Amino acid sequence: MTATAGDLVKVFDNGFHLYWCDVSASAQPKIHRPLEVREVAWWQPEAVSAQAWRYPDQGAMIRDLVTARRLPATH
């Protein structure tokens, strides 16, 4: 599977960088660097904040960013 990192979305206070990425719909995740990446998963935005995050509130912030991106722009 190949993921292509796109625009930087946010740099969190703890140094975590979040990018928008493109992955084909049929992609099967494979972790190549298990010391850096523990898990790959596809979640619906409303399920993100319910996950166990190392840093509290990070899930809710990511959910809000994804939800805002999915909303149609108003002019």
C-alpha atoms as a PDB file:
ATOM      1  CA  MET A   1       0.000   0.000   0.000  1.00  0.00           C
ATOM      2  CA  THR A   2       1.209   3.462  -0.771  1.00  0.00           C
ATOM      3  CA  ALA A   3      -0.017   6.524   1.037  1.00  0.00           C
ATOM      4  CA  THR A   4       0.873   9.946  -0.234  1.00  0.00           C
ATOM      5  CA  ALA A   5       1.202  12.673   2.372  1.00  0.00           C
ATOM      6  CA  GLY A   6      -0.264  15.967   1.290  1.00  0.00           C
ATOM      7  CA  ASP A   7      -0.735  19.258   3.075  1.00  0.00           C
ATOM      8  CA  LEU A   8       0.229  19.682   6.706  1.00  0.00           C
ATOM      9  CA  VAL A   9      -2.980  20.077   8.714  1.00  0.00           C
ATOM     10  CA  LYS A  10      -1.701  20.819  12.186  1.00  0.00           C
ATOM     11  CA  VAL A  11       1.318  20.558  14.456  1.00  0.00           C
ATOM     12  CA  PHE A  12       0.127  19.701  17.958  1.00  0.00           C
ATOM     13  CA  ASP A  13       1.778  21.050  21.116  1.00  0.00           C
ATOM     14  CA  ASN A  14       3.417  17.650  21.685  1.00  0.00           C
ATOM     15  CA  GLY A  15       5.122  17.729  18.273  1.00  0.00           C
ATOM     16  CA  PHE A  16       2.674  15.352  16.518  1.00  0.00           C
ATOM     17  CA  HIS A  17       2.252  16.350  12.856  1.00  0.00           C
ATOM     18  CA  LEU A  18      -1.047  15.648  11.118  1.00  0.00           C
ATOM     19  CA  TYR A  19      -1.173  15.555   7.301  1.00  0.00           C
ATOM     20  CA  TRP A  20      -3.965  15.018   4.789  1.00  0.00           C
ATOM     21  CA  CYS A  21      -3.106  11.817   2.927  1.00  0.00           C
ATOM     22  CA  ASP A  22      -4.334  10.068  -0.195  1.00  0.00           C
ATOM     23  CA  VAL A  23      -4.742   6.270  -0.209  1.00  0.00           C
ATOM     24  CA  SER A  24      -6.598   4.114  -2.742  1.00  0.00           C
ATOM     25  CA  ALA A  25      -9.951   2.745  -1.567  1.00  0.00           C
ATOM     26  CA  SER A  26      -8.762  -0.854  -1.988  1.00  0.00           C
ATOM     27  CA  ALA A  27      -5.522  -0.367  -0.035  1.00  0.00           C
ATOM     28  CA  GLN A  28      -4.540  -3.000   2.518  1.00  0.00           C
ATOM     29  CA  PRO A  29      -2.479  -1.399   5.310  1.00  0.00           C
ATOM     30  CA  LYS A  30       0.959  -2.796   6.100  1.00  0.00           C
ATOM     31  CA  ILE A  31       3.191  -1.310   8.777  1.00  0.00           C
ATOM     32  CA  HIS A  32       6.808  -1.031   7.668  1.00  0.00           C
ATOM     33  CA  ARG A  33       8.135   0.806  10.737  1.00  0.00           C
ATOM     34  CA  PRO A  34       6.554  -0.779  13.837  1.00  0.00           C
ATOM     35  CA  LEU A  35       8.623   1.364  16.208  1.00  0.00           C
ATOM     36  CA  GLU A  36       7.048   4.493  14.707  1.00  0.00           C
ATOM     37  CA  VAL A  37       3.589   3.232  13.698  1.00  0.00           C
ATOM     38  CA  ARG A  38       1.662   0.900  15.976  1.00  0.00           C
ATOM     39  CA  GLU A  39      -1.598   0.647  14.034  1.00  0.00           C
ATOM     40  CA  VAL A  40      -3.275   1.655  10.799  1.00  0.00           C
ATOM     41  CA  ALA A  41      -7.046   1.966  10.785  1.00  0.00           C
ATOM     42  CA  TRP A  42      -9.808   3.702   8.866  1.00  0.00           C
ATOM     43  CA  TRP A  43     -12.398   5.389  11.093  1.00  0.00           C
ATOM     44  CA  GLN A  44     -15.461   7.467  10.474  1.00  0.00           C
ATOM     45  CA  PRO A  45     -14.903  10.998  11.874  1.00  0.00           C
ATOM     46  CA  GLU A  46     -17.472  10.557  14.640  1.00  0.00           C
ATOM     47  CA  ALA A  47     -15.543   7.509  15.961  1.00  0.00           C
ATOM     48  CA  VAL A  48     -12.156   9.258  16.203  1.00  0.00           C
ATOM     49  CA  SER A  49     -12.674  11.048  19.516  1.00  0.00           C
ATOM     50  CA  ALA A  50     -13.869   7.817  21.185  1.00  0.00           C
ATOM     51  CA  GLN A  51     -10.484   6.121  20.668  1.00  0.00           C
ATOM     52  CA  ALA A  52      -7.899   5.877  23.442  1.00  0.00           C
ATOM     53  CA  TRP A  53      -5.441   8.664  22.636  1.00  0.00           C
ATOM     54  CA  ARG A  54      -2.087   9.140  24.321  1.00  0.00           C
ATOM     55  CA  TYR A  55      -2.858  12.834  24.664  1.00  0.00           C
ATOM     56  CA  PRO A  56      -6.363  13.696  25.869  1.00  0.00           C
ATOM     57  CA  ASP A  57      -8.476  15.854  23.539  1.00  0.00           C
ATOM     58  CA  GLN A  58      -6.298  15.023  20.496  1.00  0.00           C
ATOM     59  CA  GLY A  59      -8.977  12.710  19.090  1.00  0.00           C
ATOM     60  CA  ALA A  60     -11.641  15.401  19.373  1.00  0.00           C
ATOM     61  CA  MET A  61      -9.360  17.931  17.672  1.00  0.00           C
ATOM     62  CA  ILE A  62      -8.655  15.521  14.788  1.00  0.00           C
ATOM     63  CA  ARG A  63     -12.364  14.706  14.450  1.00  0.00           C
ATOM     64  CA  ASP A  64     -13.195  18.423  14.250  1.00  0.00           C
ATOM     65  CA  LEU A  65     -10.513  19.019  11.594  1.00  0.00           C
ATOM     66  CA  VAL A  66     -11.759  16.116   9.452  1.00  0.00           C
ATOM     67  CA  THR A  67     -15.393  17.141   9.877  1.00  0.00           C
ATOM     68  CA  ALA A  68     -14.596  20.732   8.878  1.00  0.00           C
ATOM     69  CA  ARG A  69     -12.803  19.513   5.766  1.00  0.00           C
ATOM     70  CA  ARG A  70     -15.787  17.385   4.730  1.00  0.00           C
ATOM     71  CA  LEU A  71     -18.266  20.266   5.005  1.00  0.00           C
ATOM     72  CA  PRO A  72     -18.985  22.118   1.754  1.00  0.00           C
ATOM     73  CA  ALA A  73     -17.452  25.586   1.578  1.00  0.00           C
ATOM     74  CA  THR A  74     -19.888  28.483   1.811  1.00  0.00           C
ATOM     75  CA  HIS A  75     -19.307  31.657  -0.151  1.00  0.00           C
END
